[in-house]
Amino acid sequence: MNAFSLRIGHGFDAHRIEAGEGVTLGGVWIECKYRIIAHSDGDAMIHALCDALLGAIGGGDIGKLFPDTDAQFKGINSRELLKEVMSRVKAKGFAVVNADLTLIAQVPRVSPYTQAMQAVLAQDMSVSVDVVNVKATTNEGMGHIGRKEGIAAHAVVLLGPAS
């Protein structure tokens, strides 16, 4: 691997939501009137990030690595999945240069939590918080996200050689 060995990965995830007492997004618990319907904790932001990281190293996707048909992943904290994915990134000789995540959700409002999310994700990826960006947007009332039936997340990562 040389100094110009850069890899880009993109990830996407979506989950249904329903009435509940809170959600975990970006590794941060948010009290709200909703819950995410999922096999794991349903953290769509971390799932998208994991897929982006795996894509950048040619490592498949989280559905293959952590199948929702496997009981050991039932209710698992997605930060554990991210840590396992990062061990694979490091084993391939790469490190995160930067990560950019976008949550698409009508609810909950996450702007008060984005800095905490950035800190959690940076810690789990062993990078400085200034290379992790988290943002959110609504779907302007359109579609299943606009009707408060689901959420979605995109993530893009750039990897470079580990020093």
Protein backbone atom coordinates (compact mmCIF):
# COMPACT_ATOMS: atom_id res chain seq x y z
CA MET A 1 0.00 0.00 0.00
CA ASN A 2 1.35 3.44 -0.86
CA ALA A 3 0.51 6.95 0.37
CA PHE A 4 -2.08 7.31 -2.39
CA SER A 5 -4.07 4.24 -1.38
CA LEU A 6 -7.37 5.89 -0.58
CA ARG A 7 -10.69 4.09 -0.40
CA ILE A 8 -14.21 5.55 -0.41
CA GLY A 9 -17.24 3.72 0.92
CA HIS A 10 -20.94 4.56 0.99
CA GLY A 11 -23.56 3.05 3.27
CA PHE A 12 -27.33 3.29 3.58
CA ASP A 13 -29.77 1.92 6.12
CA ALA A 14 -33.45 2.36 6.88
CA HIS A 15 -35.78 1.14 9.61
CA ARG A 16 -39.45 1.39 10.45
CA ILE A 17 -40.46 3.25 13.59
CA GLU A 18 -43.48 3.00 15.87
CA ALA A 19 -44.73 4.36 19.18
CA GLY A 20 -42.21 3.82 21.95
CA GLU A 21 -40.01 5.46 24.54
CA GLY A 22 -36.86 6.33 22.65
CA VAL A 23 -34.29 5.50 20.01
CA THR A 24 -30.55 5.04 19.74
CA LEU A 25 -28.99 6.95 16.86
CA GLY A 26 -25.30 7.55 16.30
CA GLY A 27 -24.68 5.60 19.49
CA VAL A 28 -26.67 8.12 21.56
CA TRP A 29 -29.94 7.41 23.40
CA ILE A 30 -32.70 9.92 22.55
CA GLU A 31 -35.86 9.96 24.65
CA CYS A 32 -38.85 10.47 22.37
CA LYS A 33 -42.28 9.01 21.56
CA TYR A 34 -40.88 6.49 19.07
CA ARG A 35 -38.86 3.31 18.88
CA ILE A 36 -37.00 1.69 16.01
CA ILE A 37 -38.24 -1.69 14.78
CA ALA A 38 -35.17 -3.86 14.20
CA HIS A 39 -33.40 -7.09 15.09
CA SER A 40 -30.56 -5.16 16.74
CA ASP A 41 -30.95 -1.80 18.50
CA GLY A 42 -31.81 -0.39 15.05
CA ASP A 43 -29.20 2.38 15.03
CA ALA A 44 -29.55 3.22 11.34
CA MET A 45 -26.70 5.73 11.50
CA ILE A 46 -24.18 3.20 12.75
CA HIS A 47 -25.50 0.56 10.35
CA ALA A 48 -24.96 2.93 7.41
CA LEU A 49 -21.49 3.76 8.75
CA CYS A 50 -20.61 0.06 9.07
CA ASP A 51 -21.72 -0.56 5.49
CA ALA A 52 -19.64 2.40 4.27
CA LEU A 53 -16.56 1.10 6.10
CA LEU A 54 -17.07 -2.43 4.84
CA GLY A 55 -17.63 -1.15 1.31
CA ALA A 56 -14.37 0.79 1.40
CA ILE A 57 -12.38 -2.34 2.29
CA GLY A 58 -14.34 -4.68 0.00
CA GLY A 59 -15.72 -6.43 3.07
CA GLY A 60 -19.32 -7.03 2.02
CA ASP A 61 -22.06 -5.58 4.21
CA ILE A 62 -23.41 -5.81 7.74
CA GLY A 63 -26.24 -8.11 6.64
CA LYS A 64 -23.66 -10.74 5.73
CA LEU A 65 -21.43 -10.10 8.73
CA PHE A 66 -24.21 -9.77 11.32
CA PRO A 67 -27.32 -11.47 9.86
CA ASP A 68 -30.69 -10.66 11.40
CA THR A 69 -31.42 -14.39 11.39
CA ASP A 70 -28.69 -14.96 14.01
CA ALA A 71 -29.98 -14.88 17.59
CA GLN A 72 -26.62 -13.64 18.94
CA PHE A 73 -27.31 -10.25 17.33
CA LYS A 74 -30.84 -9.87 18.74
CA GLY A 75 -30.99 -6.48 20.50
CA ILE A 76 -27.22 -5.95 20.16
CA ASN A 77 -25.80 -2.49 20.71
CA SER A 78 -24.72 -1.33 17.25
CA ARG A 79 -21.56 0.19 18.72
CA GLU A 80 -20.36 -3.40 19.17
CA LEU A 81 -20.93 -3.99 15.46
CA LEU A 82 -18.98 -0.82 14.62
CA LYS A 83 -16.07 -1.92 16.80
CA GLU A 84 -15.92 -5.28 14.99
CA VAL A 85 -16.05 -3.55 11.61
CA MET A 86 -13.25 -1.20 12.67
CA SER A 87 -11.11 -4.19 13.65
CA ARG A 88 -11.52 -5.41 10.06
CA VAL A 89 -10.65 -1.96 8.66
CA LYS A 90 -7.47 -1.90 10.78
CA ALA A 91 -6.59 -5.49 9.82
CA LYS A 92 -6.66 -4.41 6.15
CA GLY A 93 -4.16 -1.64 6.97
CA PHE A 94 -6.54 1.30 6.77
CA ALA A 95 -7.61 4.13 9.03
CA VAL A 96 -10.53 6.55 8.78
CA VAL A 97 -9.59 9.86 7.14
CA ASN A 98 -13.10 11.23 7.55
CA ALA A 99 -16.72 10.12 7.89
CA ASP A 100 -19.85 12.05 6.93
CA LEU A 101 -23.27 10.81 8.08
CA THR A 102 -26.76 12.08 7.25
CA LEU A 103 -29.91 11.04 9.09
CA ILE A 104 -33.18 11.45 7.20
CA ALA A 105 -36.01 11.53 9.73
CA GLN A 106 -39.13 13.52 10.45
CA VAL A 107 -38.82 12.41 14.07
CA PRO A 108 -37.02 12.56 16.40
CA ARG A 109 -35.27 15.91 16.11
CA VAL A 110 -31.59 15.13 16.58
CA SER A 111 -29.87 18.51 16.30
CA PRO A 112 -29.31 18.72 20.09
CA TYR A 113 -27.50 15.35 19.92
CA THR A 114 -25.23 15.64 16.88
CA GLN A 115 -22.12 16.67 18.81
CA ALA A 116 -22.57 13.77 21.22
CA MET A 117 -23.01 11.42 18.24
CA GLN A 118 -19.82 12.72 16.65
CA ALA A 119 -17.93 12.12 19.90
CA VAL A 120 -19.25 8.56 20.28
CA LEU A 121 -18.54 7.63 16.66
CA ALA A 122 -15.07 9.19 16.76
CA GLN A 123 -14.26 7.22 19.91
CA ASP A 124 -15.45 3.94 18.38
CA MET A 125 -13.45 4.58 15.18
CA SER A 126 -10.36 5.76 17.13
CA VAL A 127 -10.24 9.09 15.31
CA SER A 128 -10.40 12.75 16.23
CA VAL A 129 -13.92 14.13 16.56
CA ASP A 130 -13.14 16.79 13.93
CA VAL A 131 -13.07 14.16 11.15
CA VAL A 132 -16.59 12.93 11.91
CA ASN A 133 -19.56 14.93 10.68
CA VAL A 134 -23.18 14.20 11.61
CA LYS A 135 -26.14 16.04 10.16
CA ALA A 136 -29.86 15.48 9.83
CA THR A 137 -32.67 16.50 7.57
CA THR A 138 -36.37 15.85 7.38
CA ASN A 139 -38.21 14.47 4.38
CA GLU A 140 -40.44 17.57 4.28
CA GLY A 141 -43.49 15.46 5.17
CA MET A 142 -43.16 13.25 2.07
CA GLY A 143 -43.32 9.46 1.92
CA HIS A 144 -42.95 6.95 4.74
CA ILE A 145 -40.30 9.05 6.46
CA GLY A 146 -42.47 12.16 6.27
CA ARG A 147 -45.43 10.22 7.69
CA LYS A 148 -43.24 9.24 10.68
CA GLU A 149 -43.24 5.57 9.70
CA GLY A 150 -39.49 5.22 9.28
CA ILE A 151 -36.02 6.72 9.28
CA ALA A 152 -33.02 6.38 6.98
CA ALA A 153 -29.33 7.18 7.08
CA HIS A 154 -26.48 7.60 4.61
CA ALA A 155 -22.78 7.48 5.41
CA VAL A 156 -19.70 8.17 3.33
CA VAL A 157 -16.18 7.40 4.52
CA LEU A 158 -12.71 7.99 3.21
CA LEU A 159 -10.02 5.57 4.32
CA GLY A 160 -6.27 5.97 3.99
CA PRO A 161 -3.25 3.93 4.99
CA ALA A 162 -2.91 3.39 8.74
CA SER A 163 0.22 5.02 10.11
